[in-house]
Amino acid sequence: MTQFVLAVVLGLLFAFGTFLVLRRDILRVVWGVVIYSQAANVYLITMGGLSGVAPIISGHAVENPDTVTDPLVQALVLTAIVISFGTTAFALVLTYRIYEEHGTIDLQKLGETGGEV
């Protein structure tokens, strides 16, 4: 049952991210990419395994090594979260600069001007 709920949540996250990426507003596009990255992180965590014990909690002497959760996936997702935070901050600063230069963040209006100031 847990896997079904996570599959539905992941599907909704990717669908909502797609919906936002296809908008005309640059800010919504940025948030759509953020939702994509977080959905990918949740996907990696679920594929890494939800059952099992953390090796740091169970100690070094584990009776069954198959029940230990792989910590590599968690470390990679933690790194991805930090990188996506920096990328999001950079994209938001670029969006603000576009608004300052052009007075709009509408992609269609920006395309009509050809990027001229």
PDB file of N, CA and C in Angstrom:
ATOM      1  N   MET A   1       0.824  -1.192   0.000  1.00  0.00           N
ATOM      2  CA  MET A   1       0.000   0.000   0.000  1.00  0.00           C
ATOM      3  C   MET A   1       0.872   1.262   0.000  1.00  0.00           C
ATOM      4  N   THR A   2       1.977   1.230   0.735  1.00  0.00           N
ATOM      5  CA  THR A   2       2.864   2.384   0.809  1.00  0.00           C
ATOM      6  C   THR A   2       3.472   2.693  -0.556  1.00  0.00           C
ATOM      7  N   GLN A   3       3.833   1.668  -1.294  1.00  0.00           N
ATOM      8  CA  GLN A   3       4.424   1.879  -2.606  1.00  0.00           C
ATOM      9  C   GLN A   3       3.414   2.498  -3.561  1.00  0.00           C
ATOM     10  N   PHE A   4       2.149   2.104  -3.457  1.00  0.00           N
ATOM     11  CA  PHE A   4       1.117   2.679  -4.317  1.00  0.00           C
ATOM     12  C   PHE A   4       0.914   4.156  -4.006  1.00  0.00           C
ATOM     13  N   VAL A   5       0.883   4.509  -2.739  1.00  0.00           N
ATOM     14  CA  VAL A   5       0.711   5.913  -2.347  1.00  0.00           C
ATOM     15  C   VAL A   5       1.889   6.746  -2.835  1.00  0.00           C
ATOM     16  N   LEU A   6       3.094   6.239  -2.671  1.00  0.00           N
ATOM     17  CA  LEU A   6       4.269   6.968  -3.143  1.00  0.00           C
ATOM     18  C   LEU A   6       4.284   7.100  -4.663  1.00  0.00           C
ATOM     19  N   ALA A   7       3.821   6.072  -5.372  1.00  0.00           N
ATOM     20  CA  ALA A   7       3.753   6.164  -6.832  1.00  0.00           C
ATOM     21  C   ALA A   7       2.752   7.235  -7.258  1.00  0.00           C
ATOM     22  N   VAL A   8       1.625   7.322  -6.579  1.00  0.00           N
ATOM     23  CA  VAL A   8       0.629   8.348  -6.901  1.00  0.00           C
ATOM     24  C   VAL A   8       1.171   9.739  -6.584  1.00  0.00           C
ATOM     25  N   VAL A   9       1.822   9.892  -5.444  1.00  0.00           N
ATOM     26  CA  VAL A   9       2.399  11.194  -5.067  1.00  0.00           C
ATOM     27  C   VAL A   9       3.477  11.611  -6.064  1.00  0.00           C
ATOM     28  N   LEU A  10       4.324  10.680  -6.463  1.00  0.00           N
ATOM     29  CA  LEU A  10       5.361  10.996  -7.455  1.00  0.00           C
ATOM     30  C   LEU A  10       4.750  11.384  -8.791  1.00  0.00           C
ATOM     31  N   GLY A  11       3.706  10.680  -9.207  1.00  0.00           N
ATOM     32  CA  GLY A  11       3.023  11.032 -10.440  1.00  0.00           C
ATOM     33  C   GLY A  11       2.415  12.423 -10.379  1.00  0.00           C
ATOM     34  N   LEU A  12       1.823  12.757  -9.239  1.00  0.00           N
ATOM     35  CA  LEU A  12       1.240  14.095  -9.072  1.00  0.00           C
ATOM     36  C   LEU A  12       2.315  15.179  -9.045  1.00  0.00           C
ATOM     37  N   LEU A  13       3.429  14.911  -8.400  1.00  0.00           N
ATOM     38  CA  LEU A  13       4.520  15.887  -8.375  1.00  0.00           C
ATOM     39  C   LEU A  13       5.077  16.142  -9.775  1.00  0.00           C
ATOM     40  N   PHE A  14       5.313  15.082 -10.526  1.00  0.00           N
ATOM     41  CA  PHE A  14       5.826  15.265 -11.882  1.00  0.00           C
ATOM     42  C   PHE A  14       4.790  15.947 -12.777  1.00  0.00           C
ATOM     43  N   ALA A  15       3.510  15.626 -12.587  1.00  0.00           N
ATOM     44  CA  ALA A  15       2.460  16.272 -13.385  1.00  0.00           C
ATOM     45  C   ALA A  15       2.359  17.758 -13.046  1.00  0.00           C
ATOM     46  N   PHE A  16       2.420  18.094 -11.777  1.00  0.00           N
ATOM     47  CA  PHE A  16       2.343  19.502 -11.377  1.00  0.00           C
ATOM     48  C   PHE A  16       3.586  20.267 -11.845  1.00  0.00           C
ATOM     49  N   GLY A  17       4.752  19.625 -11.781  1.00  0.00           N
ATOM     50  CA  GLY A  17       5.963  20.253 -12.294  1.00  0.00           C
ATOM     51  C   GLY A  17       5.867  20.511 -13.790  1.00  0.00           C
ATOM     52  N   THR A  18       5.312  19.556 -14.529  1.00  0.00           N
ATOM     53  CA  THR A  18       5.113  19.743 -15.963  1.00  0.00           C
ATOM     54  C   THR A  18       4.143  20.873 -16.234  1.00  0.00           C
ATOM     55  N   PHE A  19       3.067  20.933 -15.465  1.00  0.00           N
ATOM     56  CA  PHE A  19       2.086  22.013 -15.616  1.00  0.00           C
ATOM     57  C   PHE A  19       2.734  23.376 -15.415  1.00  0.00           C
ATOM     58  N   LEU A  20       3.586  23.499 -14.405  1.00  0.00           N
ATOM     59  CA  LEU A  20       4.229  24.785 -14.131  1.00  0.00           C
ATOM     60  C   LEU A  20       5.292  25.135 -15.173  1.00  0.00           C
ATOM     61  N   VAL A  21       6.023  24.145 -15.666  1.00  0.00           N
ATOM     62  CA  VAL A  21       7.052  24.414 -16.659  1.00  0.00           C
ATOM     63  C   VAL A  21       6.432  24.923 -17.960  1.00  0.00           C
ATOM     64  N   LEU A  22       5.225  24.545 -18.257  1.00  0.00           N
ATOM     65  CA  LEU A  22       4.567  24.954 -19.494  1.00  0.00           C
ATOM     66  C   LEU A  22       3.841  26.291 -19.389  1.00  0.00           C
ATOM     67  N   ARG A  23       3.985  27.001 -18.280  1.00  0.00           N
ATOM     68  CA  ARG A  23       3.346  28.314 -18.120  1.00  0.00           C
ATOM     69  C   ARG A  23       4.158  29.395 -18.815  1.00  0.00           C
ATOM     70  N   ARG A  24       3.550  30.576 -18.954  1.00  0.00           N
ATOM     71  CA  ARG A  24       4.216  31.706 -19.604  1.00  0.00           C
ATOM     72  C   ARG A  24       5.057  32.527 -18.636  1.00  0.00           C
ATOM     73  N   ASP A  25       4.844  32.380 -17.365  1.00  0.00           N
ATOM     74  CA  ASP A  25       5.533  33.165 -16.342  1.00  0.00           C
ATOM     75  C   ASP A  25       6.862  32.487 -15.985  1.00  0.00           C
ATOM     76  N   ILE A  26       7.949  33.246 -16.025  1.00  0.00           N
ATOM     77  CA  ILE A  26       9.270  32.673 -15.734  1.00  0.00           C
ATOM     78  C   ILE A  26       9.335  32.126 -14.313  1.00  0.00           C
ATOM     79  N   LEU A  27       8.716  32.828 -13.382  1.00  0.00           N
ATOM     80  CA  LEU A  27       8.751  32.387 -11.986  1.00  0.00           C
ATOM     81  C   LEU A  27       8.093  31.021 -11.824  1.00  0.00           C
ATOM     82  N   ARG A  28       7.005  30.802 -12.514  1.00  0.00           N
ATOM     83  CA  ARG A  28       6.344  29.492 -12.442  1.00  0.00           C
ATOM     84  C   ARG A  28       7.190  28.409 -13.095  1.00  0.00           C
ATOM     85  N   VAL A  29       7.902  28.767 -14.136  1.00  0.00           N
ATOM     86  CA  VAL A  29       8.802  27.800 -14.771  1.00  0.00           C
ATOM     87  C   VAL A  29       9.905  27.388 -13.792  1.00  0.00           C
ATOM     88  N   VAL A  30      10.451  28.363 -13.080  1.00  0.00           N
ATOM     89  CA  VAL A  30      11.493  28.059 -12.086  1.00  0.00           C
ATOM     90  C   VAL A  30      10.935  27.133 -11.004  1.00  0.00           C
ATOM     91  N   TRP A  31       9.752  27.428 -10.508  1.00  0.00           N
ATOM     92  CA  TRP A  31       9.162  26.572  -9.471  1.00  0.00           C
ATOM     93  C   TRP A  31       8.821  25.190 -10.009  1.00  0.00           C
ATOM     94  N   GLY A  32       8.466  25.109 -11.292  1.00  0.00           N
ATOM     95  CA  GLY A  32       8.233  23.799 -11.898  1.00  0.00           C
ATOM     96  C   GLY A  32       9.489  22.948 -11.922  1.00  0.00           C
ATOM     97  N   VAL A  33      10.615  23.582 -12.233  1.00  0.00           N
ATOM     98  CA  VAL A  33      11.894  22.854 -12.232  1.00  0.00           C
ATOM     99  C   VAL A  33      12.261  22.424 -10.811  1.00  0.00           C
ATOM    100  N   VAL A  34      11.964  23.273  -9.833  1.00  0.00           N
ATOM    101  CA  VAL A  34      12.222  22.912  -8.431  1.00  0.00           C
ATOM    102  C   VAL A  34      11.386  21.695  -8.037  1.00  0.00           C
ATOM    103  N   ILE A  35      10.134  21.685  -8.442  1.00  0.00           N
ATOM    104  CA  ILE A  35       9.266  20.548  -8.109  1.00  0.00           C
ATOM    105  C   ILE A  35       9.763  19.291  -8.814  1.00  0.00           C
ATOM    106  N   TYR A  36      10.233  19.429 -10.071  1.00  0.00           N
ATOM    107  CA  TYR A  36      10.844  18.291 -10.759  1.00  0.00           C
ATOM    108  C   TYR A  36      12.002  17.712  -9.954  1.00  0.00           C
ATOM    109  N   SER A  37      12.889  18.576  -9.488  1.00  0.00           N
ATOM    110  CA  SER A  37      14.071  18.084  -8.782  1.00  0.00           C
ATOM    111  C   SER A  37      13.690  17.416  -7.464  1.00  0.00           C
ATOM    112  N   GLN A  38      12.723  17.973  -6.768  1.00  0.00           N
ATOM    113  CA  GLN A  38      12.302  17.348  -5.520  1.00  0.00           C
ATOM    114  C   GLN A  38      11.583  16.024  -5.772  1.00  0.00           C
ATOM    115  N   ALA A  39      10.814  15.953  -6.862  1.00  0.00           N
ATOM    116  CA  ALA A  39      10.169  14.683  -7.204  1.00  0.00           C
ATOM    117  C   ALA A  39      11.209  13.626  -7.556  1.00  0.00           C
ATOM    118  N   ALA A  40      12.264  14.041  -8.245  1.00  0.00           N
ATOM    119  CA  ALA A  40      13.342  13.097  -8.563  1.00  0.00           C
ATOM    120  C   ALA A  40      14.036  12.628  -7.290  1.00  0.00           C
ATOM    121  N   ASN A  41      14.205  13.516  -6.327  1.00  0.00           N
ATOM    122  CA  ASN A  41      14.814  13.122  -5.046  1.00  0.00           C
ATOM    123  C   ASN A  41      13.940  12.116  -4.309  1.00  0.00           C
ATOM    124  N   VAL A  42      12.643  12.357  -4.286  1.00  0.00           N
ATOM    125  CA  VAL A  42      11.730  11.415  -3.627  1.00  0.00           C
ATOM    126  C   VAL A  42      11.759  10.071  -4.354  1.00  0.00           C
ATOM    127  N   TYR A  43      11.827  10.119  -5.678  1.00  0.00           N
ATOM    128  CA  TYR A  43      11.910   8.883  -6.463  1.00  0.00           C
ATOM    129  C   TYR A  43      13.166   8.090  -6.104  1.00  0.00           C
ATOM    130  N   LEU A  44      14.303   8.779  -6.004  1.00  0.00           N
ATOM    131  CA  LEU A  44      15.544   8.083  -5.657  1.00  0.00           C
ATOM    132  C   LEU A  44      15.480   7.469  -4.265  1.00  0.00           C
ATOM    133  N   ILE A  45      14.899   8.202  -3.330  1.00  0.00           N
ATOM    134  CA  ILE A  45      14.773   7.658  -1.966  1.00  0.00           C
ATOM    135  C   ILE A  45      13.886   6.423  -1.954  1.00  0.00           C
ATOM    136  N   THR A  46      12.777   6.462  -2.687  1.00  0.00           N
ATOM    137  CA  THR A  46      11.892   5.294  -2.703  1.00  0.00           C
ATOM    138  C   THR A  46      12.543   4.107  -3.399  1.00  0.00           C
ATOM    139  N   MET A  47      13.342   4.370  -4.439  1.00  0.00           N
ATOM    140  CA  MET A  47      14.020   3.267  -5.116  1.00  0.00           C
ATOM    141  C   MET A  47      15.174   2.724  -4.279  1.00  0.00           C
ATOM    142  N   GLY A  48      15.704   3.538  -3.385  1.00  0.00           N
ATOM    143  CA  GLY A  48      16.780   3.091  -2.510  1.00  0.00           C
ATOM    144  C   GLY A  48      16.295   2.149  -1.422  1.00  0.00           C
ATOM    145  N   GLY A  49      15.013   2.142  -1.187  1.00  0.00           N
ATOM    146  CA  GLY A  49      14.433   1.239  -0.195  1.00  0.00           C
ATOM    147  C   GLY A  49      13.856   1.984   0.981  1.00  0.00           C
ATOM    148  N   LEU A  50      12.634   1.634   1.306  1.00  0.00           N
ATOM    149  CA  LEU A  50      11.972   2.256   2.442  1.00  0.00           C
ATOM    150  C   LEU A  50      11.990   1.376   3.677  1.00  0.00           C
ATOM    151  N   SER A  51      12.191   0.087   3.482  1.00  0.00           N
ATOM    152  CA  SER A  51      12.234  -0.819   4.626  1.00  0.00           C
ATOM    153  C   SER A  51      13.678  -1.109   4.983  1.00  0.00           C
ATOM    154  N   GLY A  52      13.890  -1.451   6.202  1.00  0.00           N
ATOM    155  CA  GLY A  52      15.244  -1.744   6.659  1.00  0.00           C
ATOM    156  C   GLY A  52      15.639  -0.791   7.763  1.00  0.00           C
ATOM    157  N   VAL A  53      16.820  -1.007   8.269  1.00  0.00           N
ATOM    158  CA  VAL A  53      17.325  -0.177   9.359  1.00  0.00           C
ATOM    159  C   VAL A  53      18.572   0.548   8.890  1.00  0.00           C
ATOM    160  N   ALA A  54      18.803   1.687   9.463  1.00  0.00           N
ATOM    161  CA  ALA A  54      20.016   2.436   9.147  1.00  0.00           C
ATOM    162  C   ALA A  54      21.201   1.759   9.822  1.00  0.00           C
ATOM    163  N   PRO A  55      22.326   1.663   9.135  1.00  0.00           N
ATOM    164  CA  PRO A  55      23.469   0.967   9.722  1.00  0.00           C
ATOM    165  C   PRO A  55      24.005   1.649  10.969  1.00  0.00           C
ATOM    166  N   ILE A  56      23.839   2.962  11.061  1.00  0.00           N
ATOM    167  CA  ILE A  56      24.351   3.672  12.227  1.00  0.00           C
ATOM    168  C   ILE A  56      23.507   3.383  13.470  1.00  0.00           C
ATOM    169  N   ILE A  57      22.232   3.093  13.264  1.00  0.00           N
ATOM    170  CA  ILE A  57      21.350   2.807  14.399  1.00  0.00           C
ATOM    171  C   ILE A  57      21.517   1.372  14.865  1.00  0.00           C
ATOM    172  N   SER A  58      21.621   0.453  13.924  1.00  0.00           N
ATOM    173  CA  SER A  58      21.672  -0.962  14.296  1.00  0.00           C
ATOM    174  C   SER A  58      23.048  -1.419  14.759  1.00  0.00           C
ATOM    175  N   GLY A  59      24.046  -0.598  14.573  1.00  0.00           N
ATOM    176  CA  GLY A  59      25.391  -0.998  14.969  1.00  0.00           C
ATOM    177  C   GLY A  59      26.096  -1.717  13.840  1.00  0.00           C
ATOM    178  N   HIS A  60      27.290  -2.166  14.114  1.00  0.00           N
ATOM    179  CA  HIS A  60      28.088  -2.817  13.083  1.00  0.00           C
ATOM    180  C   HIS A  60      27.766  -4.299  12.955  1.00  0.00           C
ATOM    181  N   ALA A  61      27.257  -4.888  13.995  1.00  0.00           N
ATOM    182  CA  ALA A  61      26.958  -6.317  13.956  1.00  0.00           C
ATOM    183  C   ALA A  61      25.483  -6.502  13.615  1.00  0.00           C
ATOM    184  N   VAL A  62      25.185  -6.600  12.337  1.00  0.00           N
ATOM    185  CA  VAL A  62      23.810  -6.816  11.889  1.00  0.00           C
ATOM    186  C   VAL A  62      23.650  -8.297  11.583  1.00  0.00           C
ATOM    187  N   GLU A  63      22.557  -8.862  12.094  1.00  0.00           N
ATOM    188  CA  GLU A  63      22.337 -10.292  11.877  1.00  0.00           C
ATOM    189  C   GLU A  63      22.076 -10.592  10.407  1.00  0.00           C
ATOM    190  N   ASN A  64      21.257  -9.746   9.740  1.00  0.00           N
ATOM    191  CA  ASN A  64      20.915  -9.965   8.344  1.00  0.00           C
ATOM    192  C   ASN A  64      21.300  -8.715   7.550  1.00  0.00           C
ATOM    193  N   PRO A  65      22.359  -8.758   6.771  1.00  0.00           N
ATOM    194  CA  PRO A  65      22.799  -7.562   6.047  1.00  0.00           C
ATOM    195  C   PRO A  65      21.826  -7.106   4.964  1.00  0.00           C
ATOM    196  N   ASP A  66      20.865  -7.963   4.575  1.00  0.00           N
ATOM    197  CA  ASP A  66      19.900  -7.581   3.545  1.00  0.00           C
ATOM    198  C   ASP A  66      18.874  -6.571   4.060  1.00  0.00           C
ATOM    199  N   THR A  67      18.746  -6.429   5.368  1.00  0.00           N
ATOM    200  CA  THR A  67      17.756  -5.508   5.932  1.00  0.00           C
ATOM    201  C   THR A  67      18.326  -4.116   6.165  1.00  0.00           C
ATOM    202  N   VAL A  68      19.573  -3.884   5.820  1.00  0.00           N
ATOM    203  CA  VAL A  68      20.204  -2.585   6.026  1.00  0.00           C
ATOM    204  C   VAL A  68      19.920  -1.702   4.815  1.00  0.00           C
ATOM    205  N   THR A  69      19.476  -0.483   5.065  1.00  0.00           N
ATOM    206  CA  THR A  69      19.210   0.474   4.001  1.00  0.00           C
ATOM    207  C   THR A  69      20.521   1.019   3.460  1.00  0.00           C
ATOM    208  N   ASP A  70      20.589   1.176   2.152  1.00  0.00           N
ATOM    209  CA  ASP A  70      21.807   1.669   1.518  1.00  0.00           C
ATOM    210  C   ASP A  70      21.961   3.166   1.800  1.00  0.00           C
ATOM    211  N   PRO A  71      22.998   3.597   2.502  1.00  0.00           N
ATOM    212  CA  PRO A  71      23.159   5.014   2.826  1.00  0.00           C
ATOM    213  C   PRO A  71      23.671   5.848   1.651  1.00  0.00           C
ATOM    214  N   LEU A  72      24.158   5.215   0.590  1.00  0.00           N
ATOM    215  CA  LEU A  72      24.678   5.955  -0.555  1.00  0.00           C
ATOM    216  C   LEU A  72      23.579   6.774  -1.231  1.00  0.00           C
ATOM    217  N   VAL A  73      22.398   6.193  -1.369  1.00  0.00           N
ATOM    218  CA  VAL A  73      21.276   6.891  -1.994  1.00  0.00           C
ATOM    219  C   VAL A  73      20.911   8.126  -1.180  1.00  0.00           C
ATOM    220  N   GLN A  74      20.890   7.990   0.117  1.00  0.00           N
ATOM    221  CA  GLN A  74      20.542   9.114   0.978  1.00  0.00           C
ATOM    222  C   GLN A  74      21.596  10.219   0.888  1.00  0.00           C
ATOM    223  N   ALA A  75      22.846   9.851   0.800  1.00  0.00           N
ATOM    224  CA  ALA A  75      23.908  10.853   0.669  1.00  0.00           C
ATOM    225  C   ALA A  75      23.817  11.569  -0.669  1.00  0.00           C
ATOM    226  N   LEU A  76      23.514  10.835  -1.735  1.00  0.00           N
ATOM    227  CA  LEU A  76      23.370  11.456  -3.046  1.00  0.00           C
ATOM    228  C   LEU A  76      22.182  12.410  -3.089  1.00  0.00           C
ATOM    229  N   VAL A  77      21.086  12.037  -2.461  1.00  0.00           N
ATOM    230  CA  VAL A  77      19.906  12.914  -2.434  1.00  0.00           C
ATOM    231  C   VAL A  77      20.190  14.154  -1.598  1.00  0.00           C
ATOM    232  N   LEU A  78      20.898  14.015  -0.510  1.00  0.00           N
ATOM    233  CA  LEU A  78      21.260  15.175   0.297  1.00  0.00           C
ATOM    234  C   LEU A  78      22.131  16.136  -0.504  1.00  0.00           C
ATOM    235  N   THR A  79      23.062  15.602  -1.264  1.00  0.00           N
ATOM    236  CA  THR A  79      23.889  16.439  -2.138  1.00  0.00           C
ATOM    237  C   THR A  79      23.041  17.103  -3.211  1.00  0.00           C
ATOM    238  N   ALA A  80      22.098  16.370  -3.775  1.00  0.00           N
ATOM    239  CA  ALA A  80      21.219  16.933  -4.807  1.00  0.00           C
ATOM    240  C   ALA A  80      20.341  18.045  -4.252  1.00  0.00           C
ATOM    241  N   ILE A  81      19.912  17.929  -3.014  1.00  0.00           N
ATOM    242  CA  ILE A  81      19.095  18.978  -2.393  1.00  0.00           C
ATOM    243  C   ILE A  81      19.907  20.258  -2.246  1.00  0.00           C
ATOM    244  N   VAL A  82      21.145  20.136  -1.810  1.00  0.00           N
ATOM    245  CA  VAL A  82      22.001  21.317  -1.650  1.00  0.00           C
ATOM    246  C   VAL A  82      22.272  21.972  -3.002  1.00  0.00           C
ATOM    247  N   ILE A  83      22.561  21.179  -4.015  1.00  0.00           N
ATOM    248  CA  ILE A  83      22.817  21.725  -5.342  1.00  0.00           C
ATOM    249  C   ILE A  83      21.567  22.385  -5.902  1.00  0.00           C
ATOM    250  N   SER A  84      20.408  21.765  -5.726  1.00  0.00           N
ATOM    251  CA  SER A  84      19.169  22.357  -6.253  1.00  0.00           C
ATOM    252  C   SER A  84      18.810  23.645  -5.517  1.00  0.00           C
ATOM    253  N   PHE A  85      19.176  23.745  -4.246  1.00  0.00           N
ATOM    254  CA  PHE A  85      18.945  24.994  -3.526  1.00  0.00           C
ATOM    255  C   PHE A  85      19.766  26.135  -4.136  1.00  0.00           C
ATOM    256  N   GLY A  86      21.029  25.875  -4.414  1.00  0.00           N
ATOM    257  CA  GLY A  86      21.877  26.890  -5.040  1.00  0.00           C
ATOM    258  C   GLY A  86      21.410  27.244  -6.440  1.00  0.00           C
ATOM    259  N   THR A  87      21.004  26.255  -7.212  1.00  0.00           N
ATOM    260  CA  THR A  87      20.495  26.498  -8.562  1.00  0.00           C
ATOM    261  C   THR A  87      19.209  27.294  -8.529  1.00  0.00           C
ATOM    262  N   THR A  88      18.328  26.993  -7.583  1.00  0.00           N
ATOM    263  CA  THR A  88      17.072  27.739  -7.452  1.00  0.00           C
ATOM    264  C   THR A  88      17.337  29.186  -7.076  1.00  0.00           C
ATOM    265  N   ALA A  89      18.243  29.411  -6.155  1.00  0.00           N
ATOM    266  CA  ALA A  89      18.576  30.785  -5.779  1.00  0.00           C
ATOM    267  C   ALA A  89      19.129  31.551  -6.971  1.00  0.00           C
ATOM    268  N   PHE A  90      19.997  30.918  -7.758  1.00  0.00           N
ATOM    269  CA  PHE A  90      20.558  31.559  -8.942  1.00  0.00           C
ATOM    270  C   PHE A  90      19.469  31.864  -9.972  1.00  0.00           C
ATOM    271  N   ALA A  91      18.554  30.923 -10.191  1.00  0.00           N
ATOM    272  CA  ALA A  91      17.470  31.138 -11.159  1.00  0.00           C
ATOM    273  C   ALA A  91      16.539  32.252 -10.705  1.00  0.00           C
ATOM    274  N   LEU A  92      16.275  32.353  -9.413  1.00  0.00           N
ATOM    275  CA  LEU A  92      15.417  33.428  -8.919  1.00  0.00           C
ATOM    276  C   LEU A  92      16.096  34.790  -9.060  1.00  0.00           C
ATOM    277  N   VAL A  93      17.400  34.849  -8.849  1.00  0.00           N
ATOM    278  CA  VAL A  93      18.130  36.108  -9.049  1.00  0.00           C
ATOM    279  C   VAL A  93      18.108  36.496 -10.528  1.00  0.00           C
ATOM    280  N   LEU A  94      18.288  35.542 -11.415  1.00  0.00           N
ATOM    281  CA  LEU A  94      18.204  35.833 -12.847  1.00  0.00           C
ATOM    282  C   LEU A  94      16.807  36.306 -13.240  1.00  0.00           C
ATOM    283  N   THR A  95      15.779  35.714 -12.655  1.00  0.00           N
ATOM    284  CA  THR A  95      14.403  36.143 -12.923  1.00  0.00           C
ATOM    285  C   THR A  95      14.191  37.574 -12.455  1.00  0.00           C
ATOM    286  N   TYR A  96      14.725  37.918 -11.315  1.00  0.00           N
ATOM    287  CA  TYR A  96      14.602  39.286 -10.818  1.00  0.00           C
ATOM    288  C   TYR A  96      15.322  40.269 -11.736  1.00  0.00           C
ATOM    289  N   ARG A  97      16.491  39.885 -12.240  1.00  0.00           N
ATOM    290  CA  ARG A  97      17.228  40.755 -13.161  1.00  0.00           C
ATOM    291  C   ARG A  97      16.462  40.943 -14.471  1.00  0.00           C
ATOM    292  N   ILE A  98      15.822  39.896 -14.949  1.00  0.00           N
ATOM    293  CA  ILE A  98      15.007  40.007 -16.164  1.00  0.00           C
ATOM    294  C   ILE A  98      13.852  40.969 -15.920  1.00  0.00           C
ATOM    295  N   TYR A  99      13.238  40.878 -14.753  1.00  0.00           N
ATOM    296  CA  TYR A  99      12.128  41.787 -14.431  1.00  0.00           C
ATOM    297  C   TYR A  99      12.623  43.230 -14.344  1.00  0.00           C
ATOM    298  N   GLU A 100      13.797  43.434 -13.741  1.00  0.00           N
ATOM    299  CA  GLU A 100      14.344  44.791 -13.652  1.00  0.00           C
ATOM    300  C   GLU A 100      14.662  45.359 -15.039  1.00  0.00           C
ATOM    301  N   GLU A 101      15.209  44.546 -15.915  1.00  0.00           N
ATOM    302  CA  GLU A 101      15.611  45.013 -17.237  1.00  0.00           C
ATOM    303  C   GLU A 101      14.428  45.234 -18.177  1.00  0.00           C
ATOM    304  N   HIS A 102      13.448  44.333 -18.137  1.00  0.00           N
ATOM    305  CA  HIS A 102      12.379  44.353 -19.123  1.00  0.00           C
ATOM    306  C   HIS A 102      11.024  44.759 -18.559  1.00  0.00           C
ATOM    307  N   GLY A 103      10.865  44.769 -17.264  1.00  0.00           N
ATOM    308  CA  GLY A 103       9.599  45.159 -16.659  1.00  0.00           C
ATOM    309  C   GLY A 103       8.527  44.087 -16.718  1.00  0.00           C
ATOM    310  N   THR A 104       8.872  42.906 -17.154  1.00  0.00           N
ATOM    311  CA  THR A 104       7.914  41.801 -17.218  1.00  0.00           C
ATOM    312  C   THR A 104       8.661  40.478 -17.071  1.00  0.00           C
ATOM    313  N   ILE A 105       7.923  39.451 -16.648  1.00  0.00           N
ATOM    314  CA  ILE A 105       8.488  38.109 -16.612  1.00  0.00           C
ATOM    315  C   ILE A 105       7.640  37.165 -17.464  1.00  0.00           C
ATOM    316  N   ASP A 106       6.796  37.738 -18.323  1.00  0.00           N
ATOM    317  CA  ASP A 106       5.981  36.966 -19.253  1.00  0.00           C
ATOM    318  C   ASP A 106       6.853  36.543 -20.428  1.00  0.00           C
ATOM    319  N   LEU A 107       6.951  35.242 -20.655  1.00  0.00           N
ATOM    320  CA  LEU A 107       7.837  34.731 -21.701  1.00  0.00           C
ATOM    321  C   LEU A 107       7.398  35.158 -23.091  1.00  0.00           C
ATOM    322  N   GLN A 108       6.089  35.272 -23.316  1.00  0.00           N
ATOM    323  CA  GLN A 108       5.617  35.668 -24.638  1.00  0.00           C
ATOM    324  C   GLN A 108       5.981  37.128 -24.934  1.00  0.00           C
ATOM    325  N   LYS A 109       5.828  37.992 -23.949  1.00  0.00           N
ATOM    326  CA  LYS A 109       6.195  39.399 -24.139  1.00  0.00           C
ATOM    327  C   LYS A 109       7.702  39.554 -24.313  1.00  0.00           C
ATOM    328  N   LEU A 110       8.472  38.764 -23.590  1.00  0.00           N
ATOM    329  CA  LEU A 110       9.921  38.807 -23.751  1.00  0.00           C
ATOM    330  C   LEU A 110      10.334  38.304 -25.122  1.00  0.00           C
ATOM    331  N   GLY A 111       9.637  37.307 -25.657  1.00  0.00           N
ATOM    332  CA  GLY A 111       9.938  36.792 -26.983  1.00  0.00           C
ATOM    333  C   GLY A 111       9.586  37.782 -28.086  1.00  0.00           C
ATOM    334  N   GLU A 112       8.542  38.588 -27.847  1.00  0.00           N
ATOM    335  CA  GLU A 112       8.138  39.570 -28.866  1.00  0.00           C
ATOM    336  C   GLU A 112       9.148  40.696 -28.975  1.00  0.00           C
ATOM    337  N   THR A 113       9.768  41.057 -27.862  1.00  0.00           N
ATOM    338  CA  THR A 113      10.750  42.152 -27.897  1.00  0.00           C
ATOM    339  C   THR A 113      12.088  41.671 -28.432  1.00  0.00           C
ATOM    340  N   GLY A 114      12.291  40.372 -28.485  1.00  0.00           N
ATOM    341  CA  GLY A 114      13.564  39.845 -28.983  1.00  0.00           C
ATOM    342  C   GLY A 114      14.712  40.034 -28.013  1.00  0.00           C
ATOM    343  N   GLY A 115      14.412  40.294 -26.734  1.00  0.00           N
ATOM    344  CA  GLY A 115      15.446  40.476 -25.736  1.00  0.00           C
ATOM    345  C   GLY A 115      16.051  41.852 -25.729  1.00  0.00           C
ATOM    346  N   GLU A 116      15.452  42.796 -26.475  1.00  0.00           N
ATOM    347  CA  GLU A 116      15.989  44.157 -26.500  1.00  0.00           C
ATOM    348  C   GLU A 116      15.602  44.897 -25.234  1.00  0.00           C
ATOM    349  N   VAL A 117      16.449  45.818 -24.841  1.00  0.00           N
ATOM    350  CA  VAL A 117      16.202  46.613 -23.641  1.00  0.00           C
ATOM    351  C   VAL A 117      15.438  47.858 -24.005  1.00  0.00           C
TER     352      VAL A 117
END
